Structure formats: structure tokens, C-alpha cells
Amino acid sequence: MQATSYTYDAETRSGSVLLDDGTPLPFDAAAFDAGGLRLLRPGQRVRIEVTGSGAEARVTLVTLQTF
């Protein structure tokens, strides 16, 4: 699934993304670390993996979207 980086805190390695429908979805350090990234800037397109749905949705991976 694709999304756009919305917030990122380098100290905690957590933040949030915006889904293409505008829904914000938070991610934790484990999801950030799983993607192998070192830095994330707001506005970057990212690829995410999510488990669950609705209020139970949880981001398990955040990585850069490549074409």
C-alpha cells in the first residue's frame, strides 16, 4: 500500500503517514526499523504494510516508494 509521510520524530523513530484517502495512520519505531530507513521527511511517498483494519489497523513496515 502507498502513503505519504506526514510526521516523523528522529529521536523516537516514530511518526505517521497519510493514506491516499487522507486518513492518518501512526507508525512506531519497529515499523520504521523494519523498512531499513535512516531518515524520513514529510511529504515523501512511502510504501507501507498494514495489519488489521479500521481502528485496529497497525503499520508494520515503512519504506520508500521506488518506481
Protein backbone atom coordinates (compact mmCIF):
# COMPACT_ATOMS: atom_id res chain seq x y z
CA MET A 1 0.00 0.00 0.00
CA GLN A 2 1.24 3.51 -0.72
CA ALA A 3 1.03 6.55 1.54
CA THR A 4 2.70 9.91 2.14
CA SER A 5 4.95 10.60 5.10
CA TYR A 6 3.19 13.13 7.34
CA THR A 7 5.19 13.34 10.56
CA TYR A 8 8.44 11.81 11.75
CA ASP A 9 10.40 12.15 15.01
CA ALA A 10 14.04 11.09 14.51
CA GLU A 11 14.57 10.66 18.25
CA THR A 12 11.77 8.10 18.72
CA ARG A 13 11.81 6.85 15.09
CA SER A 14 8.02 7.05 15.04
CA GLY A 15 5.52 9.20 13.19
CA SER A 16 2.53 8.99 10.92
CA VAL A 17 1.59 8.64 7.28
CA LEU A 18 -1.41 9.83 5.32
CA LEU A 19 -3.20 7.22 3.28
CA ASP A 20 -4.29 8.28 -0.20
CA ASP A 21 -7.81 8.94 1.13
CA GLY A 22 -6.36 11.39 3.69
CA THR A 23 -6.62 9.08 6.70
CA PRO A 24 -3.68 9.48 9.12
CA LEU A 25 -2.10 6.27 10.37
CA PRO A 26 0.64 6.25 13.04
CA PHE A 27 3.72 4.03 12.95
CA ASP A 28 6.15 3.06 15.69
CA ALA A 29 9.92 2.52 15.77
CA ALA A 30 9.55 -1.19 14.98
CA ALA A 31 7.74 -0.41 11.70
CA PHE A 32 10.33 2.23 10.80
CA ASP A 33 13.25 -0.10 11.61
CA ALA A 34 11.69 -2.93 9.56
CA GLY A 35 11.99 -0.77 6.43
CA GLY A 36 15.72 -0.17 6.87
CA LEU A 37 15.40 3.61 6.63
CA ARG A 38 17.65 6.09 8.42
CA LEU A 39 15.61 9.25 7.87
CA LEU A 40 12.15 10.21 6.65
CA ARG A 41 10.98 13.64 5.53
CA PRO A 42 7.36 14.81 5.50
CA GLY A 43 5.91 14.60 2.01
CA GLN A 44 7.93 11.60 0.84
CA ARG A 45 5.97 8.82 -0.82
CA VAL A 46 6.33 5.60 1.13
CA ARG A 47 5.27 2.01 0.86
CA ILE A 48 3.66 0.59 3.98
CA GLU A 49 2.42 -2.77 5.13
CA VAL A 50 -0.56 -2.80 7.47
CA THR A 51 -2.16 -5.50 9.58
CA GLY A 52 -5.73 -5.28 10.83
CA SER A 53 -8.37 -2.85 9.63
CA GLY A 54 -10.33 0.13 10.85
CA ALA A 55 -9.44 1.16 14.40
CA GLU A 56 -7.25 -1.97 14.70
CA ALA A 57 -5.03 -1.06 11.70
CA ARG A 58 -1.33 -1.14 12.54
CA VAL A 59 1.62 -0.23 10.30
CA THR A 60 4.24 -2.99 10.37
CA LEU A 61 6.65 -1.63 7.74
CA VAL A 62 7.55 1.79 6.32
CA THR A 63 9.96 2.09 3.38
CA LEU A 64 10.49 4.47 0.49
CA GLN A 65 8.34 4.04 -2.59
CA THR A 66 10.52 3.33 -5.61
CA PHE A 67 9.43 3.23 -9.22
